[in-house]
Amino acid sequence: MEWILSREIVITMALLGATASVLATLPRIRSAGLARSLNAAGYVLMGTSMIIFILIGLRSG
């Protein structure tokens, strides 16, 4: 469980989320369902990384 609270994991999750959100806006993605799924996955990853970042801050408190 400690590995998920590492700085590298939080940064990786945020970057993967941002990448998924950017990919969802590309004009090559013709399927609205795929774009919506990529965007949702991006927001979930970014949100999770923010929650973990907050938890790390509270733990080190």
PDB file of N, CA and C in Angstrom:
ATOM      1  N   MET A   1       0.817  -1.198   0.000  1.00  0.00           N
ATOM      2  CA  MET A   1       0.000   0.000   0.000  1.00  0.00           C
ATOM      3  C   MET A   1       0.859   1.260   0.000  1.00  0.00           C
ATOM      4  N   GLU A   2       2.057   1.150   0.550  1.00  0.00           N
ATOM      5  CA  GLU A   2       2.924   2.331   0.601  1.00  0.00           C
ATOM      6  C   GLU A   2       3.351   2.798  -0.785  1.00  0.00           C
ATOM      7  N   TRP A   3       3.462   1.869  -1.738  1.00  0.00           N
ATOM      8  CA  TRP A   3       3.944   2.236  -3.067  1.00  0.00           C
ATOM      9  C   TRP A   3       2.970   3.182  -3.758  1.00  0.00           C
ATOM     10  N   ILE A   4       1.666   3.053  -3.462  1.00  0.00           N
ATOM     11  CA  ILE A   4       0.691   3.921  -4.128  1.00  0.00           C
ATOM     12  C   ILE A   4       0.754   5.346  -3.572  1.00  0.00           C
ATOM     13  N   LEU A   5       1.327   5.495  -2.406  1.00  0.00           N
ATOM     14  CA  LEU A   5       1.448   6.821  -1.810  1.00  0.00           C
ATOM     15  C   LEU A   5       2.768   7.496  -2.154  1.00  0.00           C
ATOM     16  N   SER A   6       3.523   6.906  -3.076  1.00  0.00           N
ATOM     17  CA  SER A   6       4.802   7.507  -3.445  1.00  0.00           C
ATOM     18  C   SER A   6       4.583   8.663  -4.422  1.00  0.00           C
ATOM     19  N   ARG A   7       5.499   9.565  -4.401  1.00  0.00           N
ATOM     20  CA  ARG A   7       5.413  10.757  -5.248  1.00  0.00           C
ATOM     21  C   ARG A   7       5.389  10.393  -6.731  1.00  0.00           C
ATOM     22  N   GLU A   8       6.197   9.416  -7.108  1.00  0.00           N
ATOM     23  CA  GLU A   8       6.276   9.020  -8.508  1.00  0.00           C
ATOM     24  C   GLU A   8       4.943   8.482  -9.023  1.00  0.00           C
ATOM     25  N   ILE A   9       4.246   7.709  -8.210  1.00  0.00           N
ATOM     26  CA  ILE A   9       2.956   7.137  -8.613  1.00  0.00           C
ATOM     27  C   ILE A   9       1.924   8.252  -8.783  1.00  0.00           C
ATOM     28  N   VAL A  10       1.908   9.198  -7.867  1.00  0.00           N
ATOM     29  CA  VAL A  10       0.951  10.302  -7.942  1.00  0.00           C
ATOM     30  C   VAL A  10       1.192  11.128  -9.209  1.00  0.00           C
ATOM     31  N   ILE A  11       2.440  11.426  -9.499  1.00  0.00           N
ATOM     32  CA  ILE A  11       2.772  12.202 -10.692  1.00  0.00           C
ATOM     33  C   ILE A  11       2.427  11.420 -11.949  1.00  0.00           C
ATOM     34  N   THR A  12       2.730  10.119 -11.964  1.00  0.00           N
ATOM     35  CA  THR A  12       2.415   9.282 -13.122  1.00  0.00           C
ATOM     36  C   THR A  12       0.916   9.233 -13.365  1.00  0.00           C
ATOM     37  N   MET A  13       0.129   9.084 -12.311  1.00  0.00           N
ATOM     38  CA  MET A  13      -1.324   9.052 -12.468  1.00  0.00           C
ATOM     39  C   MET A  13      -1.853  10.365 -13.024  1.00  0.00           C
ATOM     40  N   ALA A  14      -1.330  11.478 -12.540  1.00  0.00           N
ATOM     41  CA  ALA A  14      -1.768  12.781 -13.037  1.00  0.00           C
ATOM     42  C   ALA A  14      -1.409  12.952 -14.511  1.00  0.00           C
ATOM     43  N   LEU A  15      -0.208  12.540 -14.887  1.00  0.00           N
ATOM     44  CA  LEU A  15       0.205  12.663 -16.285  1.00  0.00           C
ATOM     45  C   LEU A  15      -0.594  11.744 -17.206  1.00  0.00           C
ATOM     46  N   LEU A  16      -0.865  10.524 -16.756  1.00  0.00           N
ATOM     47  CA  LEU A  16      -1.686   9.614 -17.559  1.00  0.00           C
ATOM     48  C   LEU A  16      -3.106  10.169 -17.728  1.00  0.00           C
ATOM     49  N   GLY A  17      -3.630  10.746 -16.668  1.00  0.00           N
ATOM     50  CA  GLY A  17      -4.961  11.346 -16.747  1.00  0.00           C
ATOM     51  C   GLY A  17      -4.997  12.520 -17.705  1.00  0.00           C
ATOM     52  N   ALA A  18      -3.996  13.361 -17.630  1.00  0.00           N
ATOM     53  CA  ALA A  18      -3.932  14.503 -18.544  1.00  0.00           C
ATOM     54  C   ALA A  18      -3.780  14.034 -19.985  1.00  0.00           C
ATOM     55  N   THR A  19      -2.978  13.015 -20.197  1.00  0.00           N
ATOM     56  CA  THR A  19      -2.785  12.480 -21.548  1.00  0.00           C
ATOM     57  C   THR A  19      -4.095  11.914 -22.097  1.00  0.00           C
ATOM     58  N   ALA A  20      -4.824  11.180 -21.277  1.00  0.00           N
ATOM     59  CA  ALA A  20      -6.102  10.616 -21.722  1.00  0.00           C
ATOM     60  C   ALA A  20      -7.089  11.717 -22.075  1.00  0.00           C
ATOM     61  N   SER A  21      -7.121  12.785 -21.287  1.00  0.00           N
ATOM     62  CA  SER A  21      -8.037  13.888 -21.566  1.00  0.00           C
ATOM     63  C   SER A  21      -7.665  14.608 -22.854  1.00  0.00           C
ATOM     64  N   VAL A  22      -6.374  14.775 -23.094  1.00  0.00           N
ATOM     65  CA  VAL A  22      -5.933  15.425 -24.332  1.00  0.00           C
ATOM     66  C   VAL A  22      -6.250  14.535 -25.530  1.00  0.00           C
ATOM     67  N   LEU A  23      -6.006  13.239 -25.414  1.00  0.00           N
ATOM     68  CA  LEU A  23      -6.311  12.318 -26.509  1.00  0.00           C
ATOM     69  C   LEU A  23      -7.800  12.332 -26.856  1.00  0.00           C
ATOM     70  N   ALA A  24      -8.645  12.526 -25.853  1.00  0.00           N
ATOM     71  CA  ALA A  24     -10.089  12.543 -26.090  1.00  0.00           C
ATOM     72  C   ALA A  24     -10.513  13.717 -26.956  1.00  0.00           C
ATOM     73  N   THR A  25      -9.698  14.766 -27.005  1.00  0.00           N
ATOM     74  CA  THR A  25     -10.067  15.951 -27.777  1.00  0.00           C
ATOM     75  C   THR A  25      -9.511  15.942 -29.194  1.00  0.00           C
ATOM     76  N   LEU A  26      -8.702  14.942 -29.523  1.00  0.00           N
ATOM     77  CA  LEU A  26      -8.124  14.893 -30.856  1.00  0.00           C
ATOM     78  C   LEU A  26      -9.198  14.630 -31.908  1.00  0.00           C
ATOM     79  N   PRO A  27      -9.094  15.287 -33.035  1.00  0.00           N
ATOM     80  CA  PRO A  27     -10.107  15.084 -34.078  1.00  0.00           C
ATOM     81  C   PRO A  27     -10.099  13.680 -34.672  1.00  0.00           C
ATOM     82  N   ARG A  28      -9.011  12.939 -34.509  1.00  0.00           N
ATOM     83  CA  ARG A  28      -8.944  11.579 -35.060  1.00  0.00           C
ATOM     84  C   ARG A  28      -9.859  10.619 -34.310  1.00  0.00           C
ATOM     85  N   ILE A  29     -10.246  10.973 -33.092  1.00  0.00           N
ATOM     86  CA  ILE A  29     -11.154  10.131 -32.319  1.00  0.00           C
ATOM     87  C   ILE A  29     -12.564  10.411 -32.832  1.00  0.00           C
ATOM     88  N   ARG A  30     -13.032   9.571 -33.722  1.00  0.00           N
ATOM     89  CA  ARG A  30     -14.341   9.786 -34.356  1.00  0.00           C
ATOM     90  C   ARG A  30     -15.485   9.250 -33.513  1.00  0.00           C
ATOM     91  N   SER A  31     -15.193   8.322 -32.654  1.00  0.00           N
ATOM     92  CA  SER A  31     -16.237   7.716 -31.838  1.00  0.00           C
ATOM     93  C   SER A  31     -16.485   8.576 -30.595  1.00  0.00           C
ATOM     94  N   ALA A  32     -17.708   9.050 -30.466  1.00  0.00           N
ATOM     95  CA  ALA A  32     -18.049   9.867 -29.298  1.00  0.00           C
ATOM     96  C   ALA A  32     -17.941   9.047 -28.023  1.00  0.00           C
ATOM     97  N   GLY A  33     -18.273   7.764 -28.106  1.00  0.00           N
ATOM     98  CA  GLY A  33     -18.184   6.900 -26.929  1.00  0.00           C
ATOM     99  C   GLY A  33     -16.755   6.723 -26.453  1.00  0.00           C
ATOM    100  N   LEU A  34     -15.834   6.539 -27.388  1.00  0.00           N
ATOM    101  CA  LEU A  34     -14.431   6.385 -27.028  1.00  0.00           C
ATOM    102  C   LEU A  34     -13.885   7.683 -26.442  1.00  0.00           C
ATOM    103  N   ALA A  35     -14.232   8.793 -27.044  1.00  0.00           N
ATOM    104  CA  ALA A  35     -13.770  10.091 -26.532  1.00  0.00           C
ATOM    105  C   ALA A  35     -14.306  10.325 -25.120  1.00  0.00           C
ATOM    106  N   ARG A  36     -15.564   9.990 -24.911  1.00  0.00           N
ATOM    107  CA  ARG A  36     -16.170  10.164 -23.588  1.00  0.00           C
ATOM    108  C   ARG A  36     -15.488   9.263 -22.565  1.00  0.00           C
ATOM    109  N   SER A  37     -15.185   8.030 -22.963  1.00  0.00           N
ATOM    110  CA  SER A  37     -14.513   7.094 -22.055  1.00  0.00           C
ATOM    111  C   SER A  37     -13.104   7.555 -21.714  1.00  0.00           C
ATOM    112  N   LEU A  38     -12.371   8.031 -22.715  1.00  0.00           N
ATOM    113  CA  LEU A  38     -11.020   8.552 -22.462  1.00  0.00           C
ATOM    114  C   LEU A  38     -11.069   9.753 -21.527  1.00  0.00           C
ATOM    115  N   ASN A  39     -12.026  10.633 -21.766  1.00  0.00           N
ATOM    116  CA  ASN A  39     -12.142  11.822 -20.927  1.00  0.00           C
ATOM    117  C   ASN A  39     -12.496  11.438 -19.490  1.00  0.00           C
ATOM    118  N   ALA A  40     -13.419  10.510 -19.326  1.00  0.00           N
ATOM    119  CA  ALA A  40     -13.796  10.061 -17.982  1.00  0.00           C
ATOM    120  C   ALA A  40     -12.617   9.398 -17.280  1.00  0.00           C
ATOM    121  N   ALA A  41     -11.893   8.551 -18.002  1.00  0.00           N
ATOM    122  CA  ALA A  41     -10.722   7.895 -17.412  1.00  0.00           C
ATOM    123  C   ALA A  41      -9.674   8.918 -16.997  1.00  0.00           C
ATOM    124  N   GLY A  42      -9.503   9.941 -17.821  1.00  0.00           N
ATOM    125  CA  GLY A  42      -8.550  10.993 -17.492  1.00  0.00           C
ATOM    126  C   GLY A  42      -8.921  11.723 -16.221  1.00  0.00           C
ATOM    127  N   TYR A  43     -10.203  12.066 -16.099  1.00  0.00           N
ATOM    128  CA  TYR A  43     -10.639  12.767 -14.892  1.00  0.00           C
ATOM    129  C   TYR A  43     -10.557  11.882 -13.657  1.00  0.00           C
ATOM    130  N   VAL A  44     -10.841  10.601 -13.805  1.00  0.00           N
ATOM    131  CA  VAL A  44     -10.718   9.682 -12.665  1.00  0.00           C
ATOM    132  C   VAL A  44      -9.265   9.590 -12.216  1.00  0.00           C
ATOM    133  N   LEU A  45      -8.348   9.450 -13.157  1.00  0.00           N
ATOM    134  CA  LEU A  45      -6.923   9.354 -12.798  1.00  0.00           C
ATOM    135  C   LEU A  45      -6.429  10.650 -12.148  1.00  0.00           C
ATOM    136  N   MET A  46      -6.804  11.788 -12.730  1.00  0.00           N
ATOM    137  CA  MET A  46      -6.362  13.056 -12.144  1.00  0.00           C
ATOM    138  C   MET A  46      -6.978  13.280 -10.765  1.00  0.00           C
ATOM    139  N   GLY A  47      -8.255  12.961 -10.623  1.00  0.00           N
ATOM    140  CA  GLY A  47      -8.910  13.114  -9.324  1.00  0.00           C
ATOM    141  C   GLY A  47      -8.319  12.212  -8.266  1.00  0.00           C
ATOM    142  N   THR A  48      -8.033  10.971  -8.656  1.00  0.00           N
ATOM    143  CA  THR A  48      -7.422  10.033  -7.720  1.00  0.00           C
ATOM    144  C   THR A  48      -6.039  10.511  -7.292  1.00  0.00           C
ATOM    145  N   SER A  49      -5.281  11.047  -8.236  1.00  0.00           N
ATOM    146  CA  SER A  49      -3.946  11.536  -7.872  1.00  0.00           C
ATOM    147  C   SER A  49      -4.049  12.726  -6.917  1.00  0.00           C
ATOM    148  N   MET A  50      -5.063  13.574  -7.101  1.00  0.00           N
ATOM    149  CA  MET A  50      -5.239  14.703  -6.172  1.00  0.00           C
ATOM    150  C   MET A  50      -5.623  14.224  -4.776  1.00  0.00           C
ATOM    151  N   ILE A  51      -6.508  13.232  -4.704  1.00  0.00           N
ATOM    152  CA  ILE A  51      -6.912  12.692  -3.405  1.00  0.00           C
ATOM    153  C   ILE A  51      -5.722  12.057  -2.696  1.00  0.00           C
ATOM    154  N   ILE A  52      -4.924  11.296  -3.434  1.00  0.00           N
ATOM    155  CA  ILE A  52      -3.738  10.675  -2.830  1.00  0.00           C
ATOM    156  C   ILE A  52      -2.753  11.740  -2.376  1.00  0.00           C
ATOM    157  N   PHE A  53      -2.585  12.798  -3.175  1.00  0.00           N
ATOM    158  CA  PHE A  53      -1.694  13.900  -2.794  1.00  0.00           C
ATOM    159  C   PHE A  53      -2.161  14.520  -1.472  1.00  0.00           C
ATOM    160  N   ILE A  54      -3.457  14.727  -1.328  1.00  0.00           N
ATOM    161  CA  ILE A  54      -4.000  15.285  -0.083  1.00  0.00           C
ATOM    162  C   ILE A  54      -3.765  14.335   1.077  1.00  0.00           C
ATOM    163  N   LEU A  55      -4.005  13.032   0.859  1.00  0.00           N
ATOM    164  CA  LEU A  55      -3.788  12.056   1.918  1.00  0.00           C
ATOM    165  C   LEU A  55      -2.336  12.014   2.355  1.00  0.00           C
ATOM    166  N   ILE A  56      -1.427  12.114   1.418  1.00  0.00           N
ATOM    167  CA  ILE A  56      -0.003  12.144   1.773  1.00  0.00           C
ATOM    168  C   ILE A  56       0.298  13.353   2.650  1.00  0.00           C
ATOM    169  N   GLY A  57      -0.267  14.500   2.283  1.00  0.00           N
ATOM    170  CA  GLY A  57      -0.068  15.710   3.077  1.00  0.00           C
ATOM    171  C   GLY A  57      -0.624  15.581   4.482  1.00  0.00           C
ATOM    172  N   LEU A  58      -1.788  14.965   4.613  1.00  0.00           N
ATOM    173  CA  LEU A  58      -2.389  14.782   5.939  1.00  0.00           C
ATOM    174  C   LEU A  58      -1.603  13.796   6.778  1.00  0.00           C
ATOM    175  N   ARG A  59      -1.061  12.775   6.141  1.00  0.00           N
ATOM    176  CA  ARG A  59      -0.270  11.778   6.876  1.00  0.00           C
ATOM    177  C   ARG A  59       1.035  12.348   7.395  1.00  0.00           C
ATOM    178  N   SER A  60       1.640  13.257   6.627  1.00  0.00           N
ATOM    179  CA  SER A  60       2.945  13.790   7.035  1.00  0.00           C
ATOM    180  C   SER A  60       2.778  14.910   8.054  1.00  0.00           C
ATOM    181  N   GLY A  61       1.576  15.435   8.159  1.00  0.00           N
ATOM    182  CA  GLY A  61       1.126  16.496   8.961  1.00  0.00           C
ATOM    183  C   GLY A  61       1.831  17.047  10.062  1.00  0.00           C
TER     184      GLY A  61
END
